[in-house]
Structures are given as C-alpha cells and as structure tokens.
Protein backbone atom coordinates (compact mmCIF):
# COMPACT_ATOMS: atom_id res chain seq x y z
CA MET A 1 8.80 57.31 12.89
CA HIS A 2 10.73 54.88 14.07
CA ASP A 3 8.23 53.94 16.51
CA GLU A 4 6.12 53.42 14.06
CA THR A 5 8.56 51.25 12.32
CA TRP A 6 8.91 48.94 15.54
CA MET A 7 5.43 48.68 16.34
CA CYS A 8 4.86 47.31 12.55
CA TRP A 9 7.38 44.87 13.32
CA ARG A 10 6.33 43.51 16.41
CA ARG A 11 3.05 42.86 15.15
CA THR A 12 3.77 41.45 12.59
CA TRP A 13 6.57 39.25 14.36
CA LEU A 14 3.86 38.47 16.77
CA GLY A 15 1.79 37.19 14.62
CA GLY A 16 4.13 35.45 12.39
CA ALA A 17 4.79 33.52 16.29
CA ALA A 18 1.35 32.64 16.86
CA ALA A 19 0.47 31.07 13.26
CA ILE A 20 3.84 28.76 13.68
CA LEU A 21 1.87 28.09 17.58
CA LEU A 22 -1.19 27.36 15.52
CA MET A 23 0.41 24.52 13.67
CA GLY A 24 2.25 23.56 16.19
CA PHE A 25 -1.09 22.41 17.99
CA ALA A 26 -2.70 21.54 15.31
CA GLY A 27 0.22 19.23 14.50
CA CYS A 28 0.27 17.52 17.41
CA ALA A 29 -3.62 17.14 17.74
CA THR A 30 -3.81 14.82 14.28
CA GLY A 31 -0.69 13.03 15.47
CA ARG A 32 -2.38 11.97 19.09
CA SER A 33 -2.32 8.30 19.41
CA GLN A 34 -5.35 6.82 20.58
CA PRO A 35 -6.79 7.30 24.11
CA THR A 36 -6.80 3.99 25.84
CA VAL A 37 -8.12 2.44 28.59
CA ASP A 38 -5.90 1.48 31.40
CA ALA A 39 -5.33 -2.44 31.99
CA SER A 40 -6.14 -1.91 35.96
CA LEU A 41 -9.20 -0.30 35.16
CA VAL A 42 -10.53 -3.06 32.68
CA ALA A 43 -9.31 -5.78 35.22
CA ARG A 44 -11.87 -4.50 38.33
CA VAL A 45 -14.77 -5.35 35.73
CA PRO A 46 -16.19 -8.27 36.43
CA GLU A 47 -15.58 -11.46 33.88
CA ASP A 48 -19.50 -11.33 33.29
CA GLN A 49 -19.35 -7.99 32.32
CA LEU A 50 -16.41 -8.45 29.13
CA HIS A 51 -17.94 -10.12 26.63
CA GLU A 52 -17.79 -7.16 23.76
CA VAL A 53 -14.30 -6.06 25.54
CA ASN A 54 -13.15 -9.85 24.50
CA SER A 55 -15.34 -9.98 21.12
CA ALA A 56 -13.11 -6.93 20.53
CA ARG A 57 -9.99 -7.87 21.57
CA ASP A 58 -10.44 -11.03 19.83
CA ALA A 59 -11.30 -9.24 16.49
CA GLU A 60 -8.32 -6.70 16.83
CA ARG A 61 -6.02 -10.36 17.25
CA ARG A 62 -7.67 -11.01 13.66
CA ALA A 63 -6.90 -7.77 12.10
CA ARG A 64 -3.04 -8.00 13.55
CA ASP A 65 -3.09 -11.70 12.24
CA ALA A 66 -4.36 -9.85 8.16
CA VAL A 67 -1.62 -7.28 8.70
CA THR A 68 1.22 -10.17 8.80
CA ARG A 69 -0.84 -12.07 5.97
CA ALA A 70 -0.62 -8.57 4.11
CA ASP A 71 2.92 -8.51 4.36
CA VAL A 72 3.65 -11.82 3.62
CA ALA A 73 1.68 -11.26 0.25
CA THR A 74 3.64 -7.89 -0.47
CA ASN A 75 7.16 -10.18 -0.07
CA ASP A 76 5.47 -12.81 -2.67
CA ALA A 77 4.45 -10.37 -5.20
CA ALA A 78 7.77 -8.29 -4.52
CA LYS A 79 9.96 -12.21 -5.20
CA GLN A 80 7.87 -12.32 -8.95
CA ARG A 81 8.21 -8.84 -9.62
CA ASP A 82 12.15 -10.02 -9.31
CA ALA A 83 11.41 -12.97 -11.48
CA ALA A 84 9.67 -11.21 -14.33
CA ARG A 85 12.53 -8.72 -14.10
CA ASN A 86 15.15 -11.45 -14.64
CA GLN A 87 12.28 -12.84 -18.02
CA ALA A 88 12.60 -9.44 -19.31
CA LYS A 89 16.67 -9.22 -18.96
CA ALA A 90 17.21 -12.90 -20.46
CA ALA A 91 14.69 -11.64 -23.83
CA GLY A 92 16.95 -8.61 -23.96
CA LEU A 93 19.59 -11.53 -24.75
CA ASN A 94 17.99 -12.99 -26.80
CA THR A 95 16.89 -10.09 -29.00
CA GLN A 96 20.46 -9.07 -28.69
CA ALA A 97 22.16 -12.70 -30.26
CA ALA A 98 18.85 -12.74 -33.11
CA ARG A 99 20.19 -8.71 -34.36
CA THR A 100 23.48 -10.37 -34.25
CA SER A 101 22.42 -13.64 -35.90
CA LEU A 102 20.52 -11.30 -38.57
CA GLU A 103 24.16 -9.02 -39.21
CA VAL A 104 25.87 -12.62 -39.81
CA ALA A 105 23.36 -13.95 -42.51
CA GLN A 106 22.86 -9.75 -44.08
CA ALA A 107 27.03 -9.66 -44.37
CA GLN A 108 27.13 -13.59 -46.05
CA GLY A 109 24.79 -12.68 -48.28
CA ALA A 110 22.38 -15.15 -47.73
CA PRO A 111 18.27 -15.31 -48.53
CA LEU A 112 17.50 -18.44 -46.81
CA ALA A 113 19.38 -17.49 -43.28
CA THR A 114 18.49 -13.37 -43.74
CA SER A 115 15.05 -14.57 -43.93
CA GLN A 116 14.97 -16.61 -40.35
CA ALA A 117 17.32 -14.31 -38.37
CA GLN A 118 14.84 -11.27 -39.58
CA ALA A 119 11.95 -13.42 -38.68
CA ASN A 120 13.28 -14.85 -35.45
CA LEU A 121 14.51 -10.97 -34.70
CA GLN A 122 10.86 -10.09 -34.89
CA ALA A 123 10.11 -13.14 -32.38
CA ALA A 124 12.75 -12.08 -29.63
CA GLU A 125 11.85 -8.12 -30.23
CA ALA A 126 7.74 -9.28 -29.53
CA ALA A 127 8.64 -11.85 -26.84
CA GLY A 128 10.69 -8.73 -25.22
CA VAL A 129 8.18 -6.25 -25.44
CA ALA A 130 5.90 -8.37 -23.71
CA ALA A 131 7.97 -9.79 -21.19
CA ASP A 132 8.29 -5.95 -20.41
CA ALA A 133 4.82 -5.35 -19.72
CA GLN A 134 4.47 -8.24 -17.60
CA VAL A 135 7.49 -6.62 -15.52
CA THR A 136 4.94 -3.39 -15.60
CA ALA A 137 2.11 -5.68 -14.15
CA ALA A 138 3.79 -6.76 -11.87
CA ASP A 139 5.36 -3.63 -10.42
CA GLU A 140 1.15 -2.74 -10.18
CA ALA A 141 0.71 -6.26 -8.44
CA VAL A 142 3.79 -4.80 -5.69
CA LYS A 143 1.79 -1.74 -5.23
CA LEU A 144 -1.29 -3.52 -4.80
CA ALA A 145 -0.31 -5.21 -2.21
CA GLU A 146 1.40 -2.99 -0.40
CA ALA A 147 -2.01 -0.60 -1.00
CA GLN A 148 -3.92 -3.69 0.59
CA LYS A 149 -1.19 -4.03 3.21
CA GLN A 150 -1.52 -0.34 4.53
CA LEU A 151 -5.68 -1.01 4.33
CA ALA A 152 -5.15 -3.77 7.19
CA GLU A 153 -2.86 -1.48 9.41
CA ARG A 154 -6.07 0.84 8.95
CA ASN A 155 -7.95 -1.61 9.46
CA ALA A 156 -6.53 -2.89 12.61
CA ASP A 157 -6.04 0.51 13.85
CA VAL A 158 -10.39 0.45 13.73
CA ALA A 159 -10.55 -3.06 15.57
CA LYS A 160 -8.26 -1.38 18.27
CA ALA A 161 -10.05 1.80 18.71
CA GLN A 162 -13.08 -0.25 18.86
CA ALA A 163 -11.30 -2.43 21.10
CA SER A 164 -10.24 0.12 23.65
CA LEU A 165 -13.80 1.93 23.51
CA ALA A 166 -15.58 -1.66 24.58
CA GLU A 167 -13.08 -1.40 27.16
CA PHE A 168 -14.25 2.38 28.86
CA ASP A 169 -17.91 0.92 28.42
CA ALA A 170 -17.92 -1.54 30.27
CA VAL A 171 -15.18 0.25 33.13
CA LYS A 172 -18.59 3.19 32.42
CA ARG A 173 -21.05 0.35 32.47
CA SER A 174 -19.49 -1.33 35.99
CA GLY A 175 -19.63 2.40 37.98
CA HIS A 176 -15.98 2.27 38.87
CA VAL A 177 -14.89 5.83 39.64
CA GLY A 178 -11.79 5.50 37.01
CA ALA A 179 -14.10 6.00 34.26
CA GLN A 180 -15.04 10.24 35.22
CA GLU A 181 -11.51 10.85 34.66
CA LEU A 182 -12.08 9.20 30.99
CA SER A 183 -13.07 10.91 27.79
CA GLU A 184 -16.01 9.18 25.96
CA ALA A 185 -15.85 11.95 23.08
CA GLU A 186 -12.20 11.05 22.82
CA PHE A 187 -12.24 7.30 22.37
CA VAL A 188 -16.06 7.92 20.08
CA SER A 189 -14.04 10.55 17.68
CA ALA A 190 -10.37 7.84 17.58
CA LEU A 191 -12.82 4.78 16.13
CA SER A 192 -14.03 7.57 13.56
CA ASN A 193 -11.13 8.86 12.38
CA ALA A 194 -9.86 5.78 12.42
CA ARG A 195 -13.00 4.31 10.34
CA ALA A 196 -12.13 7.09 8.19
CA ARG A 197 -8.62 6.05 7.26
CA ALA A 198 -9.35 2.31 6.22
CA SER A 199 -12.12 3.79 4.25
CA GLU A 200 -9.37 5.81 2.25
CA ALA A 201 -6.56 2.80 2.33
CA GLU A 202 -9.99 0.79 0.81
CA GLN A 203 -9.67 3.19 -1.76
CA ALA A 204 -6.98 3.68 -2.87
CA ALA A 205 -6.04 -0.52 -2.99
CA GLN A 206 -9.17 -0.14 -4.95
CA GLN A 207 -8.26 2.02 -7.51
CA GLN A 208 -4.07 0.30 -8.09
CA GLN A 209 -6.69 -2.94 -8.40
CA VAL A 210 -8.20 -1.66 -11.93
CA LYS A 211 -5.01 -0.34 -12.54
CA LEU A 212 -3.09 -4.18 -12.03
CA SER A 213 -6.16 -5.74 -14.07
CA GLN A 214 -5.45 -3.17 -17.15
CA ALA A 215 -1.17 -3.89 -16.72
CA GLN A 216 -2.33 -7.60 -16.80
CA ALA A 217 -4.58 -7.37 -19.32
CA ARG A 218 -1.88 -5.55 -21.67
CA ALA A 219 0.45 -8.16 -20.36
CA GLU A 220 -1.87 -11.09 -21.94
CA THR A 221 -2.47 -8.72 -24.93
CA LEU A 222 1.02 -8.78 -25.71
CA ARG A 223 1.81 -11.98 -24.97
CA GLU A 224 -0.30 -13.53 -27.47
CA GLN A 225 1.11 -11.07 -30.02
CA ALA A 226 4.42 -12.93 -29.31
CA GLN A 227 3.11 -16.48 -29.23
CA GLY A 228 1.46 -14.97 -32.88
CA TYR A 229 5.21 -14.29 -33.74
CA GLY A 230 6.29 -17.43 -33.06
CA GLY A 231 7.88 -15.98 -29.43
CA ALA A 232 5.96 -18.07 -26.27
CA GLY A 233 6.69 -14.29 -24.46
CA PRO A 234 7.10 -14.60 -20.56
CA GLN A 235 5.06 -16.76 -18.79
CA GLN A 236 1.92 -15.63 -16.79
C-alpha cells in the first residue's frame, strides 16, 4: 500500500512539473523578440542590391515618427481632459452658489427673487450635467489617443519585421554564407505575428472611436439643452 501511494504521488508530481515546464516553454516562445540580421552581414551586400532594404528602413523610420506623433496626441488629449474637468468643477461651484441663492430667497419670502433663483439653479444644474458629459467625452478621447498610439506602435513593429525580412532576403540573394545560419521561417513568422497584433490594435482603435463619437454626441445634446435653460454649458 505504501509503494502504491508513493508511485501515485510521484506520477502526480511529475505530471505537474511537466505542465509547468511546458507553460514556461510556451511563454518563452510567445515572448521572443523579432529575429534580426547582423549589420555586418547587410554591410557585405552590394549597395545596388539594397534598394528594398533601404525602402523598408525608410518605412520603419516613418512608422517610428508616427509613434512619436501619437504620443504627443495622447498628451494633448490628456490636457484637454484636465481642462474639461476644471470646467466641470467650476460648474459644480456655480450650482452650489445658485442653490444657496435660492435658499436665501426662500428664507426671505421674496416670490420674484425665489422664481429667478429657481430658474438660475435649473440652468446651473443643466450646465453641470453638460460639463460632466464633456468630461466623459474627454475621457473617451484620451482612450482613443492611447489606442491609436498602440496601433502606431504595432504598425512600427510590422515595419521593423518587414525591414528585417528585407535584410534577410538581400543577404540570401547575395549568396553570403551567413544567410545559412538564419531561418527564413522565423522572419516570415515574425512578420505574420506583427501584422496580426496590428490588426487587433486597429480593431480596438475603431471600437474606441465609436465610443468617443457616442460620448461626444451625448455631450453636444446636453450642451444644447443647457443653452435652452439659459446656461452656456461647457464649450467644445
């Protein structure tokens, strides 16, 4: 009985250890960086055979520039969100002031002043709701900017993979023996994976664009309603 228990425990332990090892290998496989071609190999390729490589490198530089622009756009969106939040805070203070004025008018028993104070409070509350909606729209704008930045980064990864594949092809066509130590399948696979991630990022950005459009439409509707009460509402 003791031996059977020991063997059962041993099989269980080994099975769990094997599963952990497999998970580790899988993680390493998915986390590998893109394959690259050593610069010294590319330097041995005649200049007149590097047209595709130079074109791919130019595309990669443009893609990296797009990442920088997307980063700037994200920062700008965050600043606009801060401005919207400040407007919402100001609208909240206006609402508090209008409510206080109403309470004073009611305490004084002044019908005309009370009526005017009630109208002012309704306008202030409507402006506050519109300001809050503008903050929501600004939040969605930041999320869109972040999604577009991630898309730019994924597109840059695609451009990098294309440049690496172009370098591999150039070295291979040149007949250099160093190409034999490289795996074309790895370069092709890296490009395919990069394109898949870029496609996912593009879909995410498109979905976020829809959310932003909906939030902006609601904010505009509430702003117009606030104007109907006599309040300007937050400016777009």
